[in-house]
């Protein structure tokens, strides 16, 4: 009984040592180093996709809170201000059935993000893609398109967050 207890303590200590000794930090820590703790956002409304623009703004605000663990604040109180714009989403066929009918499409969304931090502006481009199926010889419905744009935008936001995290990690390495 005591041997099992001692083995579990040793295992716990080894795991703790591995995570503390290698300097592991979550990517949100690095992202906050690049962006700061307080972030404000705004979006440039697309004339072609006003509904999708609002969805992307909501997705980015959610990512800031849930993934980066940062606070959303008014621009006057922020460490960084992010301005988002979406290009016209594009979709194209990626799969056909044996009769030549399209059965799957790929949606691509490109986000342009401007970051204002410490009096400097930096521009980022992030792309997200999403594949979706349709019934052969069917028309792509508005809901299919909206769902694909949402998923693609989420992937583009994840790409942006990865870019920011790598900047924060480089700042740590320079120190």
Protein backbone atom coordinates (compact mmCIF):
# COMPACT_ATOMS: atom_id res chain seq x y z
CA UNK A 1 0.00 0.00 0.00
CA UNK A 2 2.78 2.40 0.94
CA UNK A 3 4.76 1.49 -2.20
CA UNK A 4 1.78 2.41 -4.44
CA UNK A 5 1.37 5.71 -2.61
CA UNK A 6 5.08 6.49 -2.98
CA UNK A 7 5.00 5.65 -6.72
CA UNK A 8 2.09 8.03 -7.31
CA UNK A 9 3.93 10.82 -5.48
CA UNK A 10 7.06 10.24 -7.56
CA UNK A 11 4.99 10.19 -10.77
CA UNK A 12 3.31 13.47 -9.80
CA UNK A 13 6.67 15.08 -9.05
CA UNK A 14 8.13 13.92 -12.38
CA UNK A 15 5.18 15.29 -14.35
CA UNK A 16 5.37 18.58 -12.44
CA UNK A 17 9.10 18.79 -13.12
CA UNK A 18 8.62 18.18 -16.84
CA UNK A 19 6.08 21.00 -17.20
CA UNK A 20 7.94 23.48 -15.04
CA UNK A 21 11.43 22.65 -16.24
CA UNK A 22 10.68 22.97 -19.94
CA UNK A 23 9.15 26.41 -19.48
CA UNK A 24 5.73 25.43 -20.79
CA UNK A 25 3.31 28.32 -21.10
CA UNK A 26 -0.06 28.28 -22.81
CA UNK A 27 -0.28 30.19 -26.09
CA UNK A 28 -2.74 32.61 -24.48
CA UNK A 29 0.11 33.84 -22.26
CA UNK A 30 2.20 34.69 -25.31
CA UNK A 31 -0.77 36.30 -27.06
CA UNK A 32 -1.41 38.55 -24.08
CA UNK A 33 2.29 39.55 -24.14
CA UNK A 34 1.81 40.82 -27.68
CA UNK A 35 -1.67 42.32 -27.25
CA UNK A 36 -1.91 43.25 -23.59
CA UNK A 37 -4.58 42.39 -21.04
CA UNK A 38 -7.21 44.85 -22.28
CA UNK A 39 -8.37 44.64 -25.89
CA UNK A 40 -10.94 46.55 -27.88
CA UNK A 41 -12.33 45.51 -31.25
CA UNK A 42 -14.20 47.06 -34.13
CA UNK A 43 -15.23 45.81 -37.51
CA UNK A 44 -15.52 47.34 -40.95
CA UNK A 45 -18.95 46.31 -42.19
CA UNK A 46 -18.86 44.63 -45.56
CA UNK A 47 -21.44 45.94 -48.03
CA UNK A 48 -21.63 42.50 -49.60
CA UNK A 49 -21.79 40.51 -46.34
CA UNK A 50 -23.16 42.64 -43.49
CA UNK A 51 -24.64 39.64 -41.66
CA UNK A 52 -21.39 37.67 -41.83
CA UNK A 53 -19.40 40.67 -40.67
CA UNK A 54 -21.40 40.79 -37.44
CA UNK A 55 -20.92 37.04 -36.94
CA UNK A 56 -17.16 37.44 -37.31
CA UNK A 57 -17.08 40.31 -34.80
CA UNK A 58 -18.96 38.17 -32.28
CA UNK A 59 -16.61 35.22 -32.92
CA UNK A 60 -13.54 37.41 -32.40
CA UNK A 61 -14.91 38.90 -29.19
CA UNK A 62 -15.64 35.39 -27.92
CA UNK A 63 -12.11 34.24 -28.83
CA UNK A 64 -10.56 37.17 -26.97
CA UNK A 65 -12.40 36.26 -23.80
CA UNK A 66 -12.31 32.45 -24.01
CA UNK A 67 -8.99 31.73 -25.72
CA UNK A 68 -6.82 34.72 -24.82
CA UNK A 69 -8.35 35.22 -21.36
CA UNK A 70 -8.21 38.97 -21.94
CA UNK A 71 -10.76 41.66 -21.21
CA UNK A 72 -12.88 43.47 -23.77
CA UNK A 73 -12.85 47.16 -22.99
CA UNK A 74 -13.66 50.45 -24.73
CA UNK A 75 -10.95 51.68 -27.09
CA UNK A 76 -9.93 54.51 -24.73
CA UNK A 77 -8.99 51.96 -22.04
CA UNK A 78 -7.38 49.29 -24.25
CA UNK A 79 -3.78 48.14 -24.57
CA UNK A 80 -4.50 47.03 -28.16
CA UNK A 81 -7.26 47.84 -30.61
CA UNK A 82 -8.13 45.35 -33.36
CA UNK A 83 -9.99 46.35 -36.52
CA UNK A 84 -11.40 43.48 -38.62
CA UNK A 85 -12.58 43.40 -42.18
CA UNK A 86 -13.67 40.44 -44.26
CA UNK A 87 -13.07 39.97 -47.94
CA UNK A 88 -15.85 38.59 -50.08
CA UNK A 89 -16.08 34.89 -49.14
CA UNK A 90 -15.49 32.59 -52.06
CA UNK A 91 -16.64 29.07 -52.58
CA UNK A 92 -15.87 26.61 -55.27
CA UNK A 93 -16.60 22.94 -56.00
CA UNK A 94 -14.18 20.36 -54.64
CA UNK A 95 -16.00 17.08 -55.25
CA UNK A 96 -18.28 15.66 -57.94
CA UNK A 97 -20.30 12.45 -57.99
CA UNK A 98 -20.10 9.85 -60.77
CA UNK A 99 -22.76 11.75 -62.80
CA UNK A 100 -20.75 14.97 -62.70
CA UNK A 101 -22.92 16.79 -60.17
CA UNK A 102 -21.23 18.87 -57.50
CA UNK A 103 -21.57 17.27 -54.05
CA UNK A 104 -19.07 19.32 -52.00
CA UNK A 105 -17.85 22.89 -51.90
CA UNK A 106 -14.95 24.64 -50.19
CA UNK A 107 -15.57 28.03 -48.59
CA UNK A 108 -12.65 30.40 -48.09
CA UNK A 109 -12.75 33.49 -45.90
CA UNK A 110 -9.93 36.00 -45.65
CA UNK A 111 -9.80 38.36 -42.69
CA UNK A 112 -7.69 41.48 -42.59
CA UNK A 113 -6.88 42.56 -39.06
CA UNK A 114 -5.18 45.81 -38.13
CA UNK A 115 -3.67 45.93 -34.67
CA UNK A 116 -2.99 49.24 -32.98
CA UNK A 117 -0.62 48.81 -30.03
CA UNK A 118 1.82 51.26 -28.43
CA UNK A 119 1.16 53.84 -31.14
CA UNK A 120 2.06 51.41 -33.93
CA UNK A 121 -0.11 49.76 -36.54
CA UNK A 122 0.47 46.23 -37.74
CA UNK A 123 -1.55 44.42 -40.38
CA UNK A 124 -2.36 40.71 -40.45
CA UNK A 125 -4.06 38.49 -42.97
CA UNK A 126 -5.68 35.26 -41.84
CA UNK A 127 -7.43 32.70 -44.01
CA UNK A 128 -9.87 30.01 -43.05
CA UNK A 129 -11.40 27.28 -45.16
CA UNK A 130 -14.32 24.96 -44.64
CA UNK A 131 -15.67 22.12 -46.78
CA UNK A 132 -19.36 21.33 -46.88
CA UNK A 133 -21.51 18.80 -48.71
CA UNK A 134 -24.72 19.29 -50.62
CA UNK A 135 -27.22 16.97 -52.21
CA UNK A 136 -26.30 16.29 -55.86
CA UNK A 137 -27.79 18.83 -58.30
CA UNK A 138 -29.01 21.00 -55.41
CA UNK A 139 -28.63 24.73 -54.95
CA UNK A 140 -26.43 25.93 -52.11
CA UNK A 141 -28.82 27.33 -49.53
CA UNK A 142 -28.24 30.53 -47.63
CA UNK A 143 -27.96 28.61 -44.36
CA UNK A 144 -25.31 26.24 -45.79
CA UNK A 145 -23.34 29.26 -46.93
CA UNK A 146 -23.67 31.10 -43.60
CA UNK A 147 -22.59 28.01 -41.64
CA UNK A 148 -19.56 27.54 -43.90
CA UNK A 149 -18.60 31.21 -43.58
CA UNK A 150 -18.89 31.02 -39.79
CA UNK A 151 -16.69 27.94 -39.60
CA UNK A 152 -14.15 29.42 -42.02
CA UNK A 153 -14.07 32.66 -40.03
CA UNK A 154 -13.45 30.73 -36.80
CA UNK A 155 -10.50 29.01 -38.46
CA UNK A 156 -9.18 32.36 -39.71
CA UNK A 157 -9.45 33.78 -36.18
CA UNK A 158 -7.53 30.78 -34.84
CA UNK A 159 -4.85 31.48 -37.44
CA UNK A 160 -4.66 35.11 -36.32
CA UNK A 161 -4.35 34.07 -32.67
CA UNK A 162 -1.51 31.71 -33.61
CA UNK A 163 0.28 34.60 -35.36
CA UNK A 164 -0.11 36.77 -32.27
CA UNK A 165 1.09 33.97 -29.96
CA UNK A 166 4.23 33.51 -32.04
CA UNK A 167 4.97 37.24 -31.74
CA UNK A 168 4.61 37.02 -27.96
CA UNK A 169 6.91 33.99 -27.85
CA UNK A 170 9.54 35.87 -29.88
CA UNK A 171 9.37 38.73 -27.36
CA UNK A 172 10.14 36.26 -24.56
CA UNK A 173 13.09 34.81 -26.48
CA UNK A 174 14.56 38.28 -27.07
CA UNK A 175 14.67 38.99 -23.34
